[in-house]
Amino acid sequence: MTAPDLPAREPQGLKRRPEASGASRASGLVIVDKPGGMTSHDVVARIRRLAGTRRVGHAGTLDPMATGVLVVGVEKATRLLGYLTLTEKEYDATIRLGQSTSTDDAEGEITGGATAAGVSAETVTGAVAGLTGEIEQVPPAVSAVKVDGQRAYQLTRAGAAPELKPRPVTVYEFTVTGVRRDGELLDVDATVRCSSGTYIRALARDLGAALGTGGHLTRLRRTRVGGYRIEDACTLEQLAGTFEVLPLAQAAAAAFPSRTLTADEARRLAHGGRLTVSTTAAPATAAAYAPDGTLIALVTEESGQARPLVVFA
């Protein structure tokens, strides 16, 4: 597969299309540097006002305490979001050993803990290795996981905390970048690269459990979602000054392998038709483009054919 002739990536980040106030909004992504203290829904509400449309959503929730990359879709780009949530993510985090909390982060109440004064950096690194790779992870009790149609956090706050089952996730990288002592507490800075569905709060909790000290998350910054990096993100203040979207064609190219279509293939795919896969090594999901660079569809390639997952043309 070859990439279509898309706008080049600027040194400062992904090339964006500025939108004049009150103008008709183009479809695209907004890569937001979410501030602390706001929910992901709060950010979506702000983008709806700036974009002048209610057709806005996000790909992957960030907790209110967390900052960093929140991928927001506007208009047709909302149809990309379900596929973007499945991509890997990267975080910078700080884990406090010596205290456990009710939410596994600093927003909860302290529920226990034991001194971390005797825990060495080498011991932490060894415990982190046990939480790397393909693991089974129990989501936090205060999370958006659904149990019998209700969110776990709703049940927990109502006094009926559910017993959540472990789920398979992959932690590709869990690297300790620094440790700092504060009396009986030990703060551990780390970078994490993981699959979709991984809770960094749960990693903090489980690291504390493995060391016998208790642990919780005190800082979390998401630095990447798939192909979208913190360097590409704008603050809400910047967006209020000049509202920018990453055009739909370029947004898909940053997240998926590209397939360039012939004019005939583009017409067939736009009407829901299937195409022959040109190589057995083709990726499972790709962004398919017309000869002029217009995004036609996301396609999944299997059994010798490419079928559209979602059509944009």
C-alpha atoms as a PDB file:
ATOM      1  CA  MET A   1       0.000   0.000   0.000  1.00  0.00           C
ATOM      2  CA  THR A   2       1.126   3.546  -0.701  1.00  0.00           C
ATOM      3  CA  ALA A   3       0.045   6.714   1.022  1.00  0.00           C
ATOM      4  CA  PRO A   4      -2.013   9.264  -0.920  1.00  0.00           C
ATOM      5  CA  ASP A   5      -0.818  12.801  -1.486  1.00  0.00           C
ATOM      6  CA  LEU A   6      -1.810  14.206   1.910  1.00  0.00           C
ATOM      7  CA  PRO A   7      -0.750  17.485   3.522  1.00  0.00           C
ATOM      8  CA  ALA A   8       2.791  17.255   4.879  1.00  0.00           C
ATOM      9  CA  ARG A   9       3.460  17.101   8.607  1.00  0.00           C
ATOM     10  CA  GLU A  10       4.745  20.430   9.898  1.00  0.00           C
ATOM     11  CA  PRO A  11       7.744  20.529  12.262  1.00  0.00           C
ATOM     12  CA  GLN A  12       5.511  21.837  15.060  1.00  0.00           C
ATOM     13  CA  GLY A  13       3.094  18.930  14.696  1.00  0.00           C
ATOM     14  CA  LEU A  14       0.202  17.854  12.530  1.00  0.00           C
ATOM     15  CA  LYS A  15      -1.012  20.407   9.995  1.00  0.00           C
ATOM     16  CA  ARG A  16      -4.412  21.740  10.964  1.00  0.00           C
ATOM     17  CA  ARG A  17      -7.183  23.697   9.323  1.00  0.00           C
ATOM     18  CA  PRO A  18      -8.140  26.883  11.197  1.00  0.00           C
ATOM     19  CA  GLU A  19     -11.840  27.636  11.339  1.00  0.00           C
ATOM     20  CA  ALA A  20     -13.143  31.184  11.439  1.00  0.00           C
ATOM     21  CA  SER A  21     -15.615  31.994  14.192  1.00  0.00           C
ATOM     22  CA  GLY A  22     -19.160  31.232  13.110  1.00  0.00           C
ATOM     23  CA  ALA A  23     -18.068  29.424   9.945  1.00  0.00           C
ATOM     24  CA  SER A  24     -19.413  26.059   8.862  1.00  0.00           C
ATOM     25  CA  ARG A  25     -17.289  23.468  10.616  1.00  0.00           C
ATOM     26  CA  ALA A  26     -15.360  20.901   8.618  1.00  0.00           C
ATOM     27  CA  SER A  27     -15.117  17.306   9.744  1.00  0.00           C
ATOM     28  CA  GLY A  28     -11.916  16.478  11.566  1.00  0.00           C
ATOM     29  CA  LEU A  29     -10.181  15.730  14.825  1.00  0.00           C
ATOM     30  CA  VAL A  30      -9.190  18.116  17.566  1.00  0.00           C
ATOM     31  CA  ILE A  31      -6.193  16.924  19.585  1.00  0.00           C
ATOM     32  CA  VAL A  32      -6.754  18.535  22.973  1.00  0.00           C
ATOM     33  CA  ASP A  33      -4.241  18.879  25.791  1.00  0.00           C
ATOM     34  CA  LYS A  34      -6.804  18.269  28.524  1.00  0.00           C
ATOM     35  CA  PRO A  35      -6.229  20.255  31.707  1.00  0.00           C
ATOM     36  CA  GLY A  36      -6.530  18.736  35.158  1.00  0.00           C
ATOM     37  CA  GLY A  37      -9.813  19.163  37.009  1.00  0.00           C
ATOM     38  CA  MET A  38     -12.045  18.712  33.949  1.00  0.00           C
ATOM     39  CA  THR A  39     -13.887  15.584  32.881  1.00  0.00           C
ATOM     40  CA  SER A  40     -13.624  14.363  29.306  1.00  0.00           C
ATOM     41  CA  HIS A  41     -17.324  15.250  28.958  1.00  0.00           C
ATOM     42  CA  ASP A  42     -16.512  18.825  30.040  1.00  0.00           C
ATOM     43  CA  VAL A  43     -13.963  19.049  27.225  1.00  0.00           C
ATOM     44  CA  VAL A  44     -16.457  17.711  24.672  1.00  0.00           C
ATOM     45  CA  ALA A  45     -18.998  20.306  25.828  1.00  0.00           C
ATOM     46  CA  ARG A  46     -16.415  23.067  25.340  1.00  0.00           C
ATOM     47  CA  ILE A  47     -15.541  21.822  21.830  1.00  0.00           C
ATOM     48  CA  ARG A  48     -19.248  21.677  20.928  1.00  0.00           C
ATOM     49  CA  ARG A  49     -19.525  25.385  21.698  1.00  0.00           C
ATOM     50  CA  LEU A  50     -16.353  26.247  19.800  1.00  0.00           C
ATOM     51  CA  ALA A  51     -17.292  24.096  16.787  1.00  0.00           C
ATOM     52  CA  GLY A  52     -20.917  25.201  16.707  1.00  0.00           C
ATOM     53  CA  THR A  53     -22.203  21.617  16.498  1.00  0.00           C
ATOM     54  CA  ARG A  54     -23.405  18.928  18.878  1.00  0.00           C
ATOM     55  CA  ARG A  55     -21.873  16.195  16.724  1.00  0.00           C
ATOM     56  CA  VAL A  56     -18.748  15.884  18.848  1.00  0.00           C
ATOM     57  CA  GLY A  57     -17.286  12.940  20.788  1.00  0.00           C
ATOM     58  CA  HIS A  58     -14.009  11.678  22.209  1.00  0.00           C
ATOM     59  CA  ALA A  59     -11.838   8.581  21.848  1.00  0.00           C
ATOM     60  CA  GLY A  60     -10.933   7.271  25.300  1.00  0.00           C
ATOM     61  CA  THR A  61     -11.806   8.899  28.610  1.00  0.00           C
ATOM     62  CA  LEU A  62      -9.269  10.649  30.798  1.00  0.00           C
ATOM     63  CA  ASP A  63     -10.013  10.929  34.522  1.00  0.00           C
ATOM     64  CA  PRO A  64     -10.511  14.480  35.850  1.00  0.00           C
ATOM     65  CA  MET A  65      -7.110  14.380  37.602  1.00  0.00           C
ATOM     66  CA  ALA A  66      -5.312  13.396  34.384  1.00  0.00           C
ATOM     67  CA  THR A  67      -3.964  15.742  31.724  1.00  0.00           C
ATOM     68  CA  GLY A  68      -2.776  15.300  28.179  1.00  0.00           C
ATOM     69  CA  VAL A  69      -3.957  13.913  24.868  1.00  0.00           C
ATOM     70  CA  LEU A  70      -7.725  13.688  24.428  1.00  0.00           C
ATOM     71  CA  VAL A  71      -8.738  12.966  20.836  1.00  0.00           C
ATOM     72  CA  VAL A  72     -12.007  14.718  19.986  1.00  0.00           C
ATOM     73  CA  GLY A  73     -13.959  14.131  16.768  1.00  0.00           C
ATOM     74  CA  VAL A  74     -16.125  16.740  15.047  1.00  0.00           C
ATOM     75  CA  GLU A  75     -18.896  15.905  12.550  1.00  0.00           C
ATOM     76  CA  LYS A  76     -17.928  12.966  10.263  1.00  0.00           C
ATOM     77  CA  ALA A  77     -14.758  12.349  12.282  1.00  0.00           C
ATOM     78  CA  THR A  78     -16.893  11.056  15.166  1.00  0.00           C
ATOM     79  CA  ARG A  79     -17.191   7.884  13.083  1.00  0.00           C
ATOM     80  CA  LEU A  80     -13.452   7.314  13.497  1.00  0.00           C
ATOM     81  CA  LEU A  81     -13.553   7.416  17.289  1.00  0.00           C
ATOM     82  CA  GLY A  82     -14.652   3.848  17.966  1.00  0.00           C
ATOM     83  CA  TYR A  83     -11.624   2.569  16.048  1.00  0.00           C
ATOM     84  CA  LEU A  84      -9.210   5.036  17.646  1.00  0.00           C
ATOM     85  CA  THR A  85     -10.130   3.860  21.157  1.00  0.00           C
ATOM     86  CA  LEU A  86      -8.556   0.494  20.286  1.00  0.00           C
ATOM     87  CA  THR A  87      -5.082   1.933  19.633  1.00  0.00           C
ATOM     88  CA  GLU A  88      -2.180   1.808  22.079  1.00  0.00           C
ATOM     89  CA  LYS A  89      -1.501   4.691  24.441  1.00  0.00           C
ATOM     90  CA  GLU A  90       1.450   6.213  26.305  1.00  0.00           C
ATOM     91  CA  TYR A  91       1.536   7.927  29.696  1.00  0.00           C
ATOM     92  CA  ASP A  92       3.839   9.674  32.122  1.00  0.00           C
ATOM     93  CA  ALA A  93       2.794   8.842  35.679  1.00  0.00           C
ATOM     94  CA  THR A  94       3.746   9.228  39.318  1.00  0.00           C
ATOM     95  CA  ILE A  95       2.862   6.437  41.746  1.00  0.00           C
ATOM     96  CA  ARG A  96       2.968   6.982  45.494  1.00  0.00           C
ATOM     97  CA  LEU A  97       3.959   3.904  47.470  1.00  0.00           C
ATOM     98  CA  GLY A  98       2.968   3.721  51.147  1.00  0.00           C
ATOM     99  CA  GLN A  99      -0.704   4.677  50.793  1.00  0.00           C
ATOM    100  CA  SER A 100      -3.783   3.108  49.228  1.00  0.00           C
ATOM    101  CA  THR A 101      -6.895   5.101  48.344  1.00  0.00           C
ATOM    102  CA  SER A 102     -10.543   4.345  47.610  1.00  0.00           C
ATOM    103  CA  THR A 103     -10.166   5.334  43.950  1.00  0.00           C
ATOM    104  CA  ASP A 104      -6.559   4.179  43.395  1.00  0.00           C
ATOM    105  CA  ASP A 105      -5.602   7.807  42.750  1.00  0.00           C
ATOM    106  CA  ALA A 106      -5.125  11.041  44.685  1.00  0.00           C
ATOM    107  CA  GLU A 107      -8.809  11.989  44.390  1.00  0.00           C
ATOM    108  CA  GLY A 108      -9.890   9.208  46.742  1.00  0.00           C
ATOM    109  CA  GLU A 109      -9.736   8.823  50.507  1.00  0.00           C
ATOM    110  CA  ILE A 110      -6.734   7.097  52.081  1.00  0.00           C
ATOM    111  CA  THR A 111      -7.793   3.574  53.016  1.00  0.00           C
ATOM    112  CA  GLY A 112      -4.540   2.044  54.235  1.00  0.00           C
ATOM    113  CA  GLY A 113      -0.892   1.492  53.515  1.00  0.00           C
ATOM    114  CA  ALA A 114       2.429   0.491  55.034  1.00  0.00           C
ATOM    115  CA  THR A 115       5.795   2.215  55.165  1.00  0.00           C
ATOM    116  CA  ALA A 116       7.817   2.255  51.961  1.00  0.00           C
ATOM    117  CA  ALA A 117      10.958   3.460  53.757  1.00  0.00           C
ATOM    118  CA  GLY A 118      12.742   0.157  53.166  1.00  0.00           C
ATOM    119  CA  VAL A 119      11.791  -0.209  49.498  1.00  0.00           C
ATOM    120  CA  SER A 120      14.769   0.289  47.178  1.00  0.00           C
ATOM    121  CA  ALA A 121      14.706   1.495  43.572  1.00  0.00           C
ATOM    122  CA  GLU A 122      15.912  -1.965  42.513  1.00  0.00           C
ATOM    123  CA  THR A 123      13.011  -3.612  44.329  1.00  0.00           C
ATOM    124  CA  VAL A 124      10.557  -1.282  42.579  1.00  0.00           C
ATOM    125  CA  THR A 125      12.073  -2.094  39.194  1.00  0.00           C
ATOM    126  CA  GLY A 126      11.714  -5.818  39.890  1.00  0.00           C
ATOM    127  CA  ALA A 127       8.058  -5.441  40.866  1.00  0.00           C
ATOM    128  CA  VAL A 128       7.372  -3.326  37.762  1.00  0.00           C
ATOM    129  CA  ALA A 129       8.729  -6.162  35.592  1.00  0.00           C
ATOM    130  CA  GLY A 130       5.984  -8.390  36.992  1.00  0.00           C
ATOM    131  CA  LEU A 131       3.370  -5.941  35.722  1.00  0.00           C
ATOM    132  CA  THR A 132       4.791  -5.780  32.198  1.00  0.00           C
ATOM    133  CA  GLY A 133       3.685  -7.829  29.218  1.00  0.00           C
ATOM    134  CA  GLU A 134       0.370  -9.648  28.822  1.00  0.00           C
ATOM    135  CA  ILE A 135      -1.295  -9.470  32.230  1.00  0.00           C
ATOM    136  CA  GLU A 136      -4.708  -9.944  33.835  1.00  0.00           C
ATOM    137  CA  GLN A 137      -5.867  -6.665  35.374  1.00  0.00           C
ATOM    138  CA  VAL A 138      -8.837  -6.006  37.666  1.00  0.00           C
ATOM    139  CA  PRO A 139     -10.288  -2.550  36.829  1.00  0.00           C
ATOM    140  CA  PRO A 140     -10.617  -0.040  39.682  1.00  0.00           C
ATOM    141  CA  ALA A 141     -13.880  -0.211  41.632  1.00  0.00           C
ATOM    142  CA  VAL A 142     -14.443   3.444  40.741  1.00  0.00           C
ATOM    143  CA  SER A 143     -14.380   3.083  36.955  1.00  0.00           C
ATOM    144  CA  ALA A 144     -16.735   3.220  33.976  1.00  0.00           C
ATOM    145  CA  VAL A 145     -16.786  -0.576  33.542  1.00  0.00           C
ATOM    146  CA  LYS A 146     -20.386  -1.780  33.202  1.00  0.00           C
ATOM    147  CA  VAL A 147     -21.807  -4.419  35.551  1.00  0.00           C
ATOM    148  CA  ASP A 148     -25.357  -5.572  34.749  1.00  0.00           C
ATOM    149  CA  GLY A 149     -25.958  -2.369  32.825  1.00  0.00           C
ATOM    150  CA  GLN A 150     -24.629  -0.023  35.508  1.00  0.00           C
ATOM    151  CA  ARG A 151     -21.280   1.690  35.816  1.00  0.00           C
ATOM    152  CA  ALA A 152     -18.984   0.291  38.493  1.00  0.00           C
ATOM    153  CA  TYR A 153     -18.447   3.746  39.994  1.00  0.00           C
ATOM    154  CA  GLN A 154     -22.219   4.211  40.406  1.00  0.00           C
ATOM    155  CA  LEU A 155     -22.530   0.927  42.288  1.00  0.00           C
ATOM    156  CA  THR A 156     -19.454   1.669  44.408  1.00  0.00           C
ATOM    157  CA  ARG A 157     -20.692   5.116  45.402  1.00  0.00           C
ATOM    158  CA  ALA A 158     -24.078   3.615  46.271  1.00  0.00           C
ATOM    159  CA  GLY A 159     -22.346   1.282  48.719  1.00  0.00           C
ATOM    160  CA  ALA A 160     -22.620  -1.846  46.567  1.00  0.00           C
ATOM    161  CA  ALA A 161     -19.112  -2.112  45.128  1.00  0.00           C
ATOM    162  CA  PRO A 162     -19.101  -4.879  42.488  1.00  0.00           C
ATOM    163  CA  GLU A 163     -16.562  -7.686  42.330  1.00  0.00           C
ATOM    164  CA  LEU A 164     -14.923  -6.946  39.015  1.00  0.00           C
ATOM    165  CA  LYS A 165     -13.326  -9.719  37.008  1.00  0.00           C
ATOM    166  CA  PRO A 166      -9.760  -9.488  35.704  1.00  0.00           C
ATOM    167  CA  ARG A 167      -9.372  -8.613  32.040  1.00  0.00           C
ATOM    168  CA  PRO A 168      -6.449  -9.269  29.701  1.00  0.00           C
ATOM    169  CA  VAL A 169      -4.417  -6.158  28.852  1.00  0.00           C
ATOM    170  CA  THR A 170      -0.912  -5.657  27.500  1.00  0.00           C
ATOM    171  CA  VAL A 171       1.674  -3.377  29.087  1.00  0.00           C
ATOM    172  CA  TYR A 172       4.305  -3.038  26.365  1.00  0.00           C
ATOM    173  CA  GLU A 173       6.563  -0.806  28.432  1.00  0.00           C
ATOM    174  CA  PHE A 174       6.611   0.119  32.133  1.00  0.00           C
ATOM    175  CA  THR A 175       9.822   1.998  32.851  1.00  0.00           C
ATOM    176  CA  VAL A 176      10.823   3.648  36.134  1.00  0.00           C
ATOM    177  CA  THR A 177      12.341   7.058  35.386  1.00  0.00           C
ATOM    178  CA  GLY A 178      12.897   8.303  38.941  1.00  0.00           C
ATOM    179  CA  VAL A 179      12.193   7.770  42.652  1.00  0.00           C
ATOM    180  CA  ARG A 180      11.841  10.344  45.441  1.00  0.00           C
ATOM    181  CA  ARG A 181      11.539   9.674  49.159  1.00  0.00           C
ATOM    182  CA  ASP A 182       9.245  11.597  51.497  1.00  0.00           C
ATOM    183  CA  GLY A 183       9.543  10.033  54.933  1.00  0.00           C
ATOM    184  CA  GLU A 184       7.724   6.699  54.818  1.00  0.00           C
ATOM    185  CA  LEU A 185       6.410   7.376  51.310  1.00  0.00           C
ATOM    186  CA  LEU A 186       8.150   6.711  48.016  1.00  0.00           C
ATOM    187  CA  ASP A 187       7.117   8.505  44.806  1.00  0.00           C
ATOM    188  CA  VAL A 188       7.893   6.592  41.619  1.00  0.00           C
ATOM    189  CA  ASP A 189       7.940   8.345  38.240  1.00  0.00           C
ATOM    190  CA  ALA A 190       7.313   6.058  35.279  1.00  0.00           C
ATOM    191  CA  THR A 191       6.447   5.911  31.600  1.00  0.00           C
ATOM    192  CA  VAL A 192       3.864   3.386  30.439  1.00  0.00           C
ATOM    193  CA  ARG A 193       2.992   2.210  26.942  1.00  0.00           C
ATOM    194  CA  CYS A 194      -0.037  -0.050  26.936  1.00  0.00           C
ATOM    195  CA  SER A 195      -3.012  -1.475  25.092  1.00  0.00           C
ATOM    196  CA  SER A 196      -6.469   0.001  25.104  1.00  0.00           C
ATOM    197  CA  GLY A 197      -8.389  -0.807  28.285  1.00  0.00           C
ATOM    198  CA  THR A 198      -5.370  -0.635  30.591  1.00  0.00           C
ATOM    199  CA  TYR A 199      -5.935   1.352  33.804  1.00  0.00           C
ATOM    200  CA  ILE A 200      -2.801   3.137  35.018  1.00  0.00           C
ATOM    201  CA  ARG A 201      -4.533   3.546  38.394  1.00  0.00           C
ATOM    202  CA  ALA A 202      -4.765  -0.226  38.602  1.00  0.00           C
ATOM    203  CA  LEU A 203      -1.051  -0.542  37.821  1.00  0.00           C
ATOM    204  CA  ALA A 204      -0.337   1.824  40.723  1.00  0.00           C
ATOM    205  CA  ARG A 205      -2.598  -0.193  43.025  1.00  0.00           C
ATOM    206  CA  ASP A 206      -1.069  -3.502  41.958  1.00  0.00           C
ATOM    207  CA  LEU A 207       2.498  -2.228  42.269  1.00  0.00           C
ATOM    208  CA  GLY A 208       1.751  -1.197  45.855  1.00  0.00           C
ATOM    209  CA  ALA A 209       0.163  -4.580  46.533  1.00  0.00           C
ATOM    210  CA  ALA A 210       3.166  -6.434  45.101  1.00  0.00           C
ATOM    211  CA  LEU A 211       5.506  -4.475  47.388  1.00  0.00           C
ATOM    212  CA  GLY A 212       3.239  -4.763  50.443  1.00  0.00           C
ATOM    213  CA  THR A 213       3.034  -0.988  50.872  1.00  0.00           C
ATOM    214  CA  GLY A 214      -0.136   0.001  49.089  1.00  0.00           C
ATOM    215  CA  GLY A 215       0.010   2.455  46.220  1.00  0.00           C
ATOM    216  CA  HIS A 216      -1.967   5.005  44.282  1.00  0.00           C
ATOM    217  CA  LEU A 217      -1.589   7.357  41.340  1.00  0.00           C
ATOM    218  CA  THR A 218      -0.764  11.006  42.074  1.00  0.00           C
ATOM    219  CA  ARG A 219      -0.046  12.269  38.543  1.00  0.00           C
ATOM    220  CA  LEU A 220      -1.038  11.094  35.074  1.00  0.00           C
ATOM    221  CA  ARG A 221      -0.336  12.705  31.722  1.00  0.00           C
ATOM    222  CA  ARG A 222      -1.281  10.950  28.495  1.00  0.00           C
ATOM    223  CA  THR A 223       1.372  11.684  25.900  1.00  0.00           C
ATOM    224  CA  ARG A 224       0.093   9.641  22.953  1.00  0.00           C
ATOM    225  CA  VAL A 225      -3.047   7.995  21.571  1.00  0.00           C
ATOM    226  CA  GLY A 226      -2.149   5.936  18.506  1.00  0.00           C
ATOM    227  CA  GLY A 227      -0.536   8.349  16.049  1.00  0.00           C
ATOM    228  CA  TYR A 228      -1.559  11.493  17.936  1.00  0.00           C
ATOM    229  CA  ARG A 229       1.070  12.912  20.280  1.00  0.00           C
ATOM    230  CA  ILE A 230       1.126  15.593  22.953  1.00  0.00           C
ATOM    231  CA  GLU A 231       3.233  17.742  20.597  1.00  0.00           C
ATOM    232  CA  ASP A 232       0.203  17.857  18.267  1.00  0.00           C
ATOM    233  CA  ALA A 233      -2.224  18.934  21.000  1.00  0.00           C
ATOM    234  CA  CYS A 234      -3.729  22.366  21.636  1.00  0.00           C
ATOM    235  CA  THR A 235      -4.937  23.724  24.951  1.00  0.00           C
ATOM    236  CA  LEU A 236      -8.530  24.860  25.290  1.00  0.00           C
ATOM    237  CA  GLU A 237      -7.254  28.427  25.580  1.00  0.00           C
ATOM    238  CA  GLN A 238      -5.463  28.101  22.224  1.00  0.00           C
ATOM    239  CA  LEU A 239      -8.564  26.616  20.620  1.00  0.00           C
ATOM    240  CA  ALA A 240     -10.698  29.451  21.963  1.00  0.00           C
ATOM    241  CA  GLY A 241      -8.387  31.863  20.145  1.00  0.00           C
ATOM    242  CA  THR A 242      -8.204  29.927  16.872  1.00  0.00           C
ATOM    243  CA  PHE A 243     -10.333  26.815  16.551  1.00  0.00           C
ATOM    244  CA  GLU A 244      -8.438  24.193  14.565  1.00  0.00           C
ATOM    245  CA  VAL A 245      -9.280  20.759  13.251  1.00  0.00           C
ATOM    246  CA  LEU A 246      -7.024  18.082  11.856  1.00  0.00           C
ATOM    247  CA  PRO A 247      -8.677  17.394   8.456  1.00  0.00           C
ATOM    248  CA  LEU A 248     -10.383  14.033   8.170  1.00  0.00           C
ATOM    249  CA  ALA A 249      -8.044  12.599   5.522  1.00  0.00           C
ATOM    250  CA  GLN A 250      -4.924  13.485   7.487  1.00  0.00           C
ATOM    251  CA  ALA A 251      -6.479  12.382  10.774  1.00  0.00           C
ATOM    252  CA  ALA A 252      -7.007   8.875   9.411  1.00  0.00           C
ATOM    253  CA  ALA A 253      -3.523   8.782   7.861  1.00  0.00           C
ATOM    254  CA  ALA A 254      -1.977   9.491  11.270  1.00  0.00           C
ATOM    255  CA  ALA A 255      -3.729   6.514  12.831  1.00  0.00           C
ATOM    256  CA  PHE A 256      -4.032   3.823  10.138  1.00  0.00           C
ATOM    257  CA  PRO A 257      -2.002   2.401   7.262  1.00  0.00           C
ATOM    258  CA  SER A 258      -3.118   3.909   3.936  1.00  0.00           C
ATOM    259  CA  ARG A 259      -4.414   2.327   0.747  1.00  0.00           C
ATOM    260  CA  THR A 260      -4.625   4.376  -2.459  1.00  0.00           C
ATOM    261  CA  LEU A 261      -7.585   3.417  -4.647  1.00  0.00           C
ATOM    262  CA  THR A 262      -8.217   3.695  -8.332  1.00  0.00           C
ATOM    263  CA  ALA A 263     -11.175   5.869  -9.357  1.00  0.00           C
ATOM    264  CA  ASP A 264     -13.246   2.736  -9.983  1.00  0.00           C
ATOM    265  CA  GLU A 265     -12.323   1.228  -6.617  1.00  0.00           C
ATOM    266  CA  ALA A 266     -13.207   4.499  -4.873  1.00  0.00           C
ATOM    267  CA  ARG A 267     -16.673   4.495  -6.486  1.00  0.00           C
ATOM    268  CA  ARG A 268     -17.296   0.859  -5.522  1.00  0.00           C
ATOM    269  CA  LEU A 269     -16.134   1.333  -1.944  1.00  0.00           C
ATOM    270  CA  ALA A 270     -18.187   4.532  -1.540  1.00  0.00           C
ATOM    271  CA  HIS A 271     -21.291   2.454  -2.312  1.00  0.00           C
ATOM    272  CA  GLY A 272     -20.406  -0.293   0.146  1.00  0.00           C
ATOM    273  CA  GLY A 273     -18.753  -2.632  -2.332  1.00  0.00           C
ATOM    274  CA  ARG A 274     -15.818  -4.906  -1.593  1.00  0.00           C
ATOM    275  CA  LEU A 275     -12.365  -4.863  -3.150  1.00  0.00           C
ATOM    276  CA  THR A 276      -9.711  -7.449  -3.822  1.00  0.00           C
ATOM    277  CA  VAL A 277      -6.780  -7.280  -1.410  1.00  0.00           C
ATOM    278  CA  SER A 278      -3.613  -6.782  -3.408  1.00  0.00           C
ATOM    279  CA  THR A 279      -1.259  -8.496  -0.946  1.00  0.00           C
ATOM    280  CA  THR A 280      -1.526 -11.162   1.716  1.00  0.00           C
ATOM    281  CA  ALA A 281       0.571  -8.949   4.003  1.00  0.00           C
ATOM    282  CA  ALA A 282      -2.059  -6.177   4.032  1.00  0.00           C
ATOM    283  CA  PRO A 283      -2.900  -4.724   7.461  1.00  0.00           C
ATOM    284  CA  ALA A 284      -6.147  -5.719   9.159  1.00  0.00           C
ATOM    285  CA  THR A 285      -7.528  -2.159   9.040  1.00  0.00           C
ATOM    286  CA  ALA A 286      -6.562   0.618   6.633  1.00  0.00           C
ATOM    287  CA  ALA A 287      -7.677   4.063   5.504  1.00  0.00           C
ATOM    288  CA  ALA A 288      -8.656   3.991   1.827  1.00  0.00           C
ATOM    289  CA  TYR A 289      -8.201   7.122  -0.314  1.00  0.00           C
ATOM    290  CA  ALA A 290      -9.393   8.236  -3.737  1.00  0.00           C
ATOM    291  CA  PRO A 291      -6.706   9.310  -6.226  1.00  0.00           C
ATOM    292  CA  ASP A 292      -7.207  12.961  -5.194  1.00  0.00           C
ATOM    293  CA  GLY A 293      -6.504  12.159  -1.507  1.00  0.00           C
ATOM    294  CA  THR A 294     -10.140  12.184  -0.338  1.00  0.00           C
ATOM    295  CA  LEU A 295     -10.779   9.700   2.465  1.00  0.00           C
ATOM    296  CA  ILE A 296     -13.353   7.205   1.197  1.00  0.00           C
ATOM    297  CA  ALA A 297     -13.556   4.658   4.015  1.00  0.00           C
ATOM    298  CA  LEU A 298     -11.895   2.628   6.697  1.00  0.00           C
ATOM    299  CA  VAL A 299     -11.606  -0.926   5.456  1.00  0.00           C
ATOM    300  CA  THR A 300     -10.863  -4.239   7.089  1.00  0.00           C
ATOM    301  CA  GLU A 301      -8.937  -6.687   4.982  1.00  0.00           C
ATOM    302  CA  GLU A 302      -9.652 -10.386   5.430  1.00  0.00           C
ATOM    303  CA  SER A 303     -10.106 -13.530   3.355  1.00  0.00           C
ATOM    304  CA  GLY A 304      -8.732 -11.872   0.246  1.00  0.00           C
ATOM    305  CA  GLN A 305     -11.176  -8.975   0.288  1.00  0.00           C
ATOM    306  CA  ALA A 306     -11.381  -5.475   1.715  1.00  0.00           C
ATOM    307  CA  ARG A 307     -14.801  -4.481   3.053  1.00  0.00           C
ATOM    308  CA  PRO A 308     -15.746  -1.042   4.374  1.00  0.00           C
ATOM    309  CA  LEU A 309     -16.073  -0.620   8.135  1.00  0.00           C
ATOM    310  CA  VAL A 310     -17.255   2.962   7.784  1.00  0.00           C
ATOM    311  CA  VAL A 311     -17.740   5.064   4.646  1.00  0.00           C
ATOM    312  CA  PHE A 312     -17.015   8.814   4.646  1.00  0.00           C
ATOM    313  CA  ALA A 313     -17.576   9.708   0.984  1.00  0.00           C
END
